[in-house]
Amino acid sequence: MIPYKKSIYYYLFLSVAILYGILIVYNANLSVIDDHTLLNTILKGEKIPLFIIPEIGRFFPLAGFELNIISLFSLSPTAFYIFNSFQFIVLVFLFYKMIYKIGGKDRINLSILTILILILTPGFVTAWLRLFVPERNVLFFLTIFLFFFLKYQETSKIQYAIYAVLSANIALYYKEPVFIMLGSFAFFYLLFGWRENNIQQKILNFLLIVSSLIFFLLYFFIVYLNRGDVLYGKTNINYFIQFFKIAFNYALSDPVLILIVLPLAIYRTYVIIKSRKAQPLYDSLLFSSVIYVLIFFKLNIFSYHYLLPAYIFGIFGSFYYIVNEGLYKKLIIKLLLFLSLIFLVFSSLPNSLHLISHYKNVPNNYQKTLDFLRNYISAEYNKGYRTSIFLDGVNRNTGVEIYHSFIMYLEYKGLTPVQFDMKTNEDDNNILAFVKRDKNSPYTVEKQANSSQLMCGDLVIVSPYTTKYIDLKKSEINKMNKDFDLLFKTNSFMEIPNLGIKSLVKYLFIKKRYLEDKSGAILFKNIFGLPLDFYVFKMKCKNERNQ
């Protein structure tokens, strides 16, 4: 049993961990993004297929695979999120044991604070409060891998090596770039510790390199040789503008990785070159973590959860050098720690609180809205009308999945294309280069290149996915009452706007220039992430508006 000092920090940590585990399961439901995959698979008795999509360069076959297993016992969203909660408990326990070993008894409070920082990052919140986020499973299985890898270094017991290799191989097939991080870790560990490590440790690292190489060969022959002209994530935005925008976003959401781990890796490179001596474990962890981060800079794509797997290696590497090696005494490290703290408190944490509010409200609000639409559309069809639905502020190009989700859910609830149509009154922004139209689709939004005009009686849905500017008082939504009748509205129990640094900077820009700037310089104007509710409006007829 690990000894610890029972302080206010310990009880805070224990309370947050318990509440977090409960929060993951609380009020669970299926949501807009990705979850519609379940409608044509396990919810109708079929298995989720392996995610291998050569035409856009994707090969992450195990994504969602755990849901196939859970579905053998229950199809309830609560059951799916109980598994997420279980993963959270195991991960926090193992993480605590490993970081405690680095910091020791005297630094237990600092160890606890490190874990709290991790679980309150936007990427972690996103991964654990959604279902189809492969990074959650990557972090989970890499944590198990590292735990048994370290146990094997201590004891040389063969079962620990087996557990390490198995968990590492599972993590490999949840997200493509993992093979580079895992392979580079094993390579650096072999290189830096060649003289110190025994033959058994070398064999384990060799097996990890072979595992990574096997993944690479599978990707090369199955995907790379059969890839299409446009790969996933390809945009029509200027590369350098996109690059600096993404770098800024990652610095705000993952300051620990960008402002601490990355500079430390540069510093350790200088030390190794100068002294000709490396610390096999912690340098390998540090460098492989940075390599994973740089992959996404090279791919030029951003999402809160993309860098999440890099934390498991990056935190342990940086924690060792900053705490155990005393680097926190250096002025430059103090400045980086202070800047990271500023970004954590005023950007990362506000984003996380907003995301918690989003993911605990939107799924249930969405399902209530779908139920209303099903009943309304059926009633209108019985009167001889086909209902046209518009999603306010959702572009057909960048918001293609939102339209697809509405269509699939409404069909799953028993409606057919003869009863409703999905349309858009926005021109394509053509930012994404890989979105294609289906000329054979019965839905206007999926087949037509031009936008549609709103007509009398059409429905307009204002959702959390609108890209239009919505102020904190939702004045823009209230103004719609002039031309529309409000038919339905959900009521969120905890609506927290996004008040991070990026949102406030954008707000100042919009406050000064929004009225005169119609150039679209800001693509996503919904800076506060509001509303979390769904509003269903019906367009008034001319004679109604004139009354």
Foldseek 3Di string as FASTA:
>chain_A
DDDADDDPLVVVLVVVLVVVLVLLLPLFFAFQPPSLLCLPALVVPHARAFPDDQAQLDFQGCFLNVVRVQSVPPPDRSSLLNVLSVLSVVLLVLQLVVVCVLQDRVCSSVSSVLSVLLCLFQQNLVPNLHRRDLLSLLQSLQSLLVSLLVVCQVPVDVVSLVSNLVSLLNSCNRGPCSLQLQLLLLVLLCVQCVPPDDPSNNVSSVSSNVSSVVSVVCSCVRHVVRYHPHHPPDWPDDLVVLLVVQLVVCCLRPVCVNLQLVVVLVVQVVVCVVVVHDDSNLNSLSVSLNVQVVVCSVSSDDDSNSSSNSCSSRVSSRCNCVNVVVPCVDPSVVVSVVVSVCSSVFGRNLSSVQSSLLSSQQRVLVVVVLVVCLVVLVVVVVVVDAAEEEEAQQACVVNVSSVVSSVSSNVSVPDDLVSYAYFYQDQHPRGRPPQAADCPDSHCSRRDRHGDDDDAFYKYKYALPHLAAADPVRVVVVVCVLFWDWDDKDDRPDRRWRRHPVLVVLVVVCVVPVVPDPPCPPVRNHSRSDDSMMIMIGGHHPVVSVD
